Amino acid sequence: MIIVTAKIEVKPGRKDAFILETKNLISNTRKEEGSISYELYVNTENDNKLVMLELWEDINALNVHVETDHYKKFGSTLEHFLAKEIDVKSYSIKSF
């Protein structure tokens, strides 16, 4: 399993518009093969900070995701919302 965290900071006053913009991305991503979970959370202490938490069956499913039209379309809108670059980290779960 692959876990992806995308820490997002939006410009002041842009949170609601950003969340609205994510609806198509989230809806379509949840339908993708290999998508286990795809959720957006708002920081409880700062409304301008959010995190997208993604769970994927494997790296191949994630690689297919980043090539989809809905992912690319969403990416093309980000400059209107972001206060700084998104901090994306990926993790794999291994059995110990």
N, C-alpha and C. Protein backbone atom coordinates (compact mmCIF):
# COMPACT_ATOMS: atom_id res chain seq x y z
N MET A 1 0.84 -1.18 0.00
CA MET A 1 0.00 0.00 0.00
C MET A 1 0.89 1.24 0.00
N ILE A 2 0.43 2.27 -0.68
CA ILE A 2 1.12 3.55 -0.75
C ILE A 2 0.23 4.60 -0.06
N ILE A 3 0.85 5.40 0.80
CA ILE A 3 0.17 6.50 1.45
C ILE A 3 0.81 7.79 0.95
N VAL A 4 -0.02 8.74 0.56
CA VAL A 4 0.47 10.04 0.10
C VAL A 4 -0.15 11.11 0.98
N THR A 5 0.69 12.03 1.46
CA THR A 5 0.20 13.22 2.14
C THR A 5 0.58 14.43 1.30
N ALA A 6 -0.38 15.29 1.09
CA ALA A 6 -0.12 16.54 0.36
C ALA A 6 -0.55 17.68 1.27
N LYS A 7 0.42 18.35 1.87
CA LYS A 7 0.14 19.48 2.75
C LYS A 7 -0.02 20.72 1.89
N ILE A 8 -1.15 21.40 2.09
CA ILE A 8 -1.55 22.50 1.22
C ILE A 8 -1.81 23.73 2.08
N GLU A 9 -1.29 24.86 1.65
CA GLU A 9 -1.62 26.13 2.28
C GLU A 9 -2.20 27.05 1.22
N VAL A 10 -3.45 27.44 1.41
CA VAL A 10 -4.12 28.31 0.45
C VAL A 10 -4.01 29.77 0.88
N LYS A 11 -4.19 30.65 -0.09
CA LYS A 11 -4.18 32.08 0.18
C LYS A 11 -5.37 32.43 1.09
N PRO A 12 -5.21 33.43 1.95
CA PRO A 12 -6.32 33.85 2.80
C PRO A 12 -7.57 34.14 1.97
N GLY A 13 -8.69 33.63 2.45
CA GLY A 13 -9.97 33.85 1.77
C GLY A 13 -10.24 32.91 0.61
N ARG A 14 -9.34 31.97 0.32
CA ARG A 14 -9.48 31.09 -0.85
C ARG A 14 -9.87 29.65 -0.49
N LYS A 15 -9.99 29.35 0.81
CA LYS A 15 -10.25 27.98 1.24
C LYS A 15 -11.53 27.42 0.63
N ASP A 16 -12.64 28.14 0.74
CA ASP A 16 -13.91 27.61 0.25
C ASP A 16 -13.89 27.37 -1.25
N ALA A 17 -13.30 28.28 -1.99
CA ALA A 17 -13.19 28.10 -3.45
C ALA A 17 -12.28 26.92 -3.77
N PHE A 18 -11.22 26.76 -3.01
CA PHE A 18 -10.31 25.64 -3.22
C PHE A 18 -11.03 24.31 -2.98
N ILE A 19 -11.77 24.23 -1.88
CA ILE A 19 -12.51 23.00 -1.58
C ILE A 19 -13.52 22.69 -2.68
N LEU A 20 -14.20 23.69 -3.17
CA LEU A 20 -15.14 23.51 -4.27
C LEU A 20 -14.41 22.96 -5.51
N GLU A 21 -13.23 23.48 -5.77
CA GLU A 21 -12.44 23.04 -6.93
C GLU A 21 -12.00 21.58 -6.79
N THR A 22 -11.84 21.10 -5.56
CA THR A 22 -11.38 19.72 -5.35
C THR A 22 -12.48 18.69 -5.54
N LYS A 23 -13.74 19.10 -5.54
CA LYS A 23 -14.84 18.13 -5.57
C LYS A 23 -14.78 17.18 -6.76
N ASN A 24 -14.53 17.69 -7.95
CA ASN A 24 -14.44 16.85 -9.14
C ASN A 24 -13.24 15.90 -9.04
N LEU A 25 -12.10 16.43 -8.59
CA LEU A 25 -10.91 15.61 -8.43
C LEU A 25 -11.17 14.46 -7.47
N ILE A 26 -11.72 14.77 -6.30
CA ILE A 26 -11.97 13.75 -5.29
C ILE A 26 -12.97 12.71 -5.79
N SER A 27 -14.07 13.17 -6.36
CA SER A 27 -15.10 12.26 -6.85
C SER A 27 -14.56 11.29 -7.90
N ASN A 28 -13.83 11.81 -8.86
CA ASN A 28 -13.28 10.95 -9.92
C ASN A 28 -12.16 10.05 -9.41
N THR A 29 -11.35 10.55 -8.51
CA THR A 29 -10.24 9.75 -7.99
C THR A 29 -10.74 8.56 -7.20
N ARG A 30 -11.78 8.76 -6.44
CA ARG A 30 -12.34 7.65 -5.65
C ARG A 30 -12.85 6.51 -6.53
N LYS A 31 -13.14 6.78 -7.79
CA LYS A 31 -13.61 5.76 -8.72
C LYS A 31 -12.47 5.02 -9.42
N GLU A 32 -11.26 5.51 -9.27
CA GLU A 32 -10.12 4.92 -9.97
C GLU A 32 -9.78 3.55 -9.39
N GLU A 33 -9.36 2.66 -10.27
CA GLU A 33 -8.89 1.35 -9.83
C GLU A 33 -7.63 1.54 -8.98
N GLY A 34 -7.59 0.92 -7.83
CA GLY A 34 -6.43 1.02 -6.96
C GLY A 34 -6.51 2.13 -5.94
N SER A 35 -7.55 2.98 -6.01
CA SER A 35 -7.74 4.02 -5.02
C SER A 35 -8.49 3.43 -3.83
N ILE A 36 -7.85 3.47 -2.66
CA ILE A 36 -8.48 2.95 -1.45
C ILE A 36 -9.20 4.07 -0.72
N SER A 37 -8.55 5.22 -0.62
CA SER A 37 -9.14 6.37 0.06
C SER A 37 -8.50 7.64 -0.47
N TYR A 38 -9.30 8.70 -0.54
CA TYR A 38 -8.82 9.98 -1.05
C TYR A 38 -9.62 11.06 -0.34
N GLU A 39 -9.03 11.69 0.68
CA GLU A 39 -9.75 12.60 1.56
C GLU A 39 -9.01 13.93 1.72
N LEU A 40 -9.77 15.00 1.86
CA LEU A 40 -9.23 16.32 2.12
C LEU A 40 -9.65 16.76 3.51
N TYR A 41 -8.68 17.20 4.31
CA TYR A 41 -8.93 17.63 5.68
C TYR A 41 -8.46 19.07 5.87
N VAL A 42 -9.23 19.83 6.66
CA VAL A 42 -8.87 21.20 7.00
C VAL A 42 -8.27 21.21 8.40
N ASN A 43 -7.16 21.90 8.56
CA ASN A 43 -6.49 22.03 9.84
C ASN A 43 -7.42 22.69 10.85
N THR A 44 -7.50 22.15 12.05
CA THR A 44 -8.41 22.69 13.06
C THR A 44 -7.92 23.99 13.67
N GLU A 45 -6.65 24.31 13.47
CA GLU A 45 -6.08 25.53 14.04
C GLU A 45 -5.87 26.65 13.02
N ASN A 46 -5.89 26.30 11.73
CA ASN A 46 -5.65 27.28 10.68
C ASN A 46 -6.42 26.87 9.43
N ASP A 47 -7.49 27.58 9.13
CA ASP A 47 -8.35 27.24 7.98
C ASP A 47 -7.65 27.28 6.63
N ASN A 48 -6.53 27.95 6.57
CA ASN A 48 -5.80 28.05 5.30
C ASN A 48 -4.87 26.87 5.05
N LYS A 49 -4.77 25.97 6.03
CA LYS A 49 -3.92 24.79 5.88
C LYS A 49 -4.79 23.55 5.78
N LEU A 50 -4.52 22.75 4.76
CA LEU A 50 -5.27 21.53 4.51
C LEU A 50 -4.29 20.40 4.22
N VAL A 51 -4.81 19.19 4.27
CA VAL A 51 -3.98 18.05 3.87
C VAL A 51 -4.86 17.07 3.09
N MET A 52 -4.32 16.60 1.98
CA MET A 52 -4.97 15.55 1.20
C MET A 52 -4.27 14.25 1.63
N LEU A 53 -5.06 13.30 2.09
CA LEU A 53 -4.53 12.01 2.50
C LEU A 53 -5.04 10.96 1.53
N GLU A 54 -4.09 10.29 0.88
CA GLU A 54 -4.42 9.33 -0.17
C GLU A 54 -3.89 7.95 0.20
N LEU A 55 -4.70 6.93 -0.05
CA LEU A 55 -4.27 5.55 0.12
C LEU A 55 -4.45 4.83 -1.22
N TRP A 56 -3.39 4.19 -1.67
CA TRP A 56 -3.39 3.50 -2.96
C TRP A 56 -2.96 2.05 -2.77
N GLU A 57 -3.51 1.17 -3.59
CA GLU A 57 -3.15 -0.25 -3.50
C GLU A 57 -1.66 -0.46 -3.76
N ASP A 58 -1.13 0.27 -4.76
CA ASP A 58 0.28 0.12 -5.10
C ASP A 58 0.75 1.34 -5.89
N ILE A 59 2.02 1.38 -6.17
CA ILE A 59 2.62 2.53 -6.87
C ILE A 59 2.08 2.65 -8.29
N ASN A 60 1.72 1.54 -8.91
CA ASN A 60 1.19 1.60 -10.27
C ASN A 60 -0.13 2.36 -10.30
N ALA A 61 -0.99 2.14 -9.32
CA ALA A 61 -2.27 2.86 -9.26
C ALA A 61 -2.03 4.36 -9.09
N LEU A 62 -1.07 4.71 -8.26
CA LEU A 62 -0.73 6.12 -8.07
C LEU A 62 -0.19 6.73 -9.36
N ASN A 63 0.66 6.01 -10.05
CA ASN A 63 1.23 6.50 -11.30
C ASN A 63 0.15 6.72 -12.36
N VAL A 64 -0.83 5.85 -12.41
CA VAL A 64 -1.95 6.03 -13.35
C VAL A 64 -2.75 7.27 -12.96
N HIS A 65 -2.96 7.46 -11.66
CA HIS A 65 -3.73 8.61 -11.17
C HIS A 65 -3.14 9.94 -11.64
N VAL A 66 -1.84 10.10 -11.53
CA VAL A 66 -1.24 11.40 -11.88
C VAL A 66 -1.27 11.67 -13.39
N GLU A 67 -1.70 10.71 -14.17
CA GLU A 67 -1.82 10.90 -15.62
C GLU A 67 -3.27 11.12 -16.05
N THR A 68 -4.21 11.09 -15.12
CA THR A 68 -5.62 11.25 -15.48
C THR A 68 -5.94 12.70 -15.84
N ASP A 69 -6.98 12.88 -16.63
CA ASP A 69 -7.41 14.22 -17.03
C ASP A 69 -7.86 15.05 -15.83
N HIS A 70 -8.60 14.43 -14.90
CA HIS A 70 -9.09 15.21 -13.76
C HIS A 70 -7.96 15.66 -12.85
N TYR A 71 -6.90 14.87 -12.73
CA TYR A 71 -5.74 15.27 -11.93
C TYR A 71 -5.01 16.43 -12.61
N LYS A 72 -4.79 16.31 -13.90
CA LYS A 72 -4.09 17.36 -14.63
C LYS A 72 -4.90 18.66 -14.67
N LYS A 73 -6.21 18.54 -14.84
CA LYS A 73 -7.06 19.73 -14.85
C LYS A 73 -6.98 20.44 -13.50
N PHE A 74 -7.08 19.69 -12.42
CA PHE A 74 -6.98 20.27 -11.09
C PHE A 74 -5.63 20.96 -10.90
N GLY A 75 -4.57 20.30 -11.31
CA GLY A 75 -3.23 20.87 -11.20
C GLY A 75 -3.09 22.20 -11.92
N SER A 76 -3.80 22.36 -13.01
CA SER A 76 -3.70 23.60 -13.78
C SER A 76 -4.39 24.77 -13.08
N THR A 77 -5.20 24.51 -12.06
CA THR A 77 -5.91 25.57 -11.35
C THR A 77 -5.21 26.01 -10.06
N LEU A 78 -4.19 25.28 -9.65
CA LEU A 78 -3.61 25.48 -8.32
C LEU A 78 -3.00 26.86 -8.09
N GLU A 79 -2.43 27.47 -9.10
CA GLU A 79 -1.76 28.76 -8.92
C GLU A 79 -2.71 29.83 -8.38
N HIS A 80 -4.00 29.68 -8.61
CA HIS A 80 -4.99 30.65 -8.14
C HIS A 80 -5.26 30.53 -6.64
N PHE A 81 -4.86 29.41 -6.05
CA PHE A 81 -5.22 29.13 -4.67
C PHE A 81 -4.04 29.09 -3.70
N LEU A 82 -2.89 28.66 -4.15
CA LEU A 82 -1.80 28.33 -3.24
C LEU A 82 -1.05 29.53 -2.69
N ALA A 83 -0.80 29.50 -1.38
CA ALA A 83 0.05 30.50 -0.74
C ALA A 83 1.51 30.09 -0.85
N LYS A 84 1.75 28.78 -0.94
CA LYS A 84 3.10 28.26 -1.15
C LYS A 84 3.00 26.88 -1.79
N GLU A 85 4.11 26.36 -2.22
CA GLU A 85 4.16 25.08 -2.91
C GLU A 85 3.63 23.95 -2.03
N ILE A 86 2.92 23.02 -2.63
CA ILE A 86 2.40 21.86 -1.90
C ILE A 86 3.56 20.96 -1.48
N ASP A 87 3.50 20.49 -0.26
CA ASP A 87 4.50 19.57 0.30
C ASP A 87 3.94 18.15 0.20
N VAL A 88 4.44 17.38 -0.76
CA VAL A 88 3.93 16.03 -1.00
C VAL A 88 4.96 15.01 -0.55
N LYS A 89 4.48 14.02 0.21
CA LYS A 89 5.32 12.92 0.68
C LYS A 89 4.59 11.61 0.40
N SER A 90 5.36 10.60 0.01
CA SER A 90 4.81 9.27 -0.23
C SER A 90 5.48 8.27 0.70
N TYR A 91 4.69 7.30 1.15
CA TYR A 91 5.17 6.28 2.06
C TYR A 91 4.64 4.92 1.59
N SER A 92 5.43 3.88 1.81
CA SER A 92 4.95 2.54 1.52
C SER A 92 4.88 1.77 2.83
N ILE A 93 3.90 0.89 2.89
CA ILE A 93 3.74 0.06 4.08
C ILE A 93 4.41 -1.27 3.80
N LYS A 94 5.30 -1.63 4.67
CA LYS A 94 6.02 -2.90 4.58
C LYS A 94 5.69 -3.74 5.80
N SER A 95 5.66 -5.04 5.63
CA SER A 95 5.48 -5.92 6.79
C SER A 95 6.81 -6.09 7.49
N PHE A 96 6.78 -6.00 8.80
CA PHE A 96 8.02 -6.15 9.59
C PHE A 96 8.01 -7.46 10.32
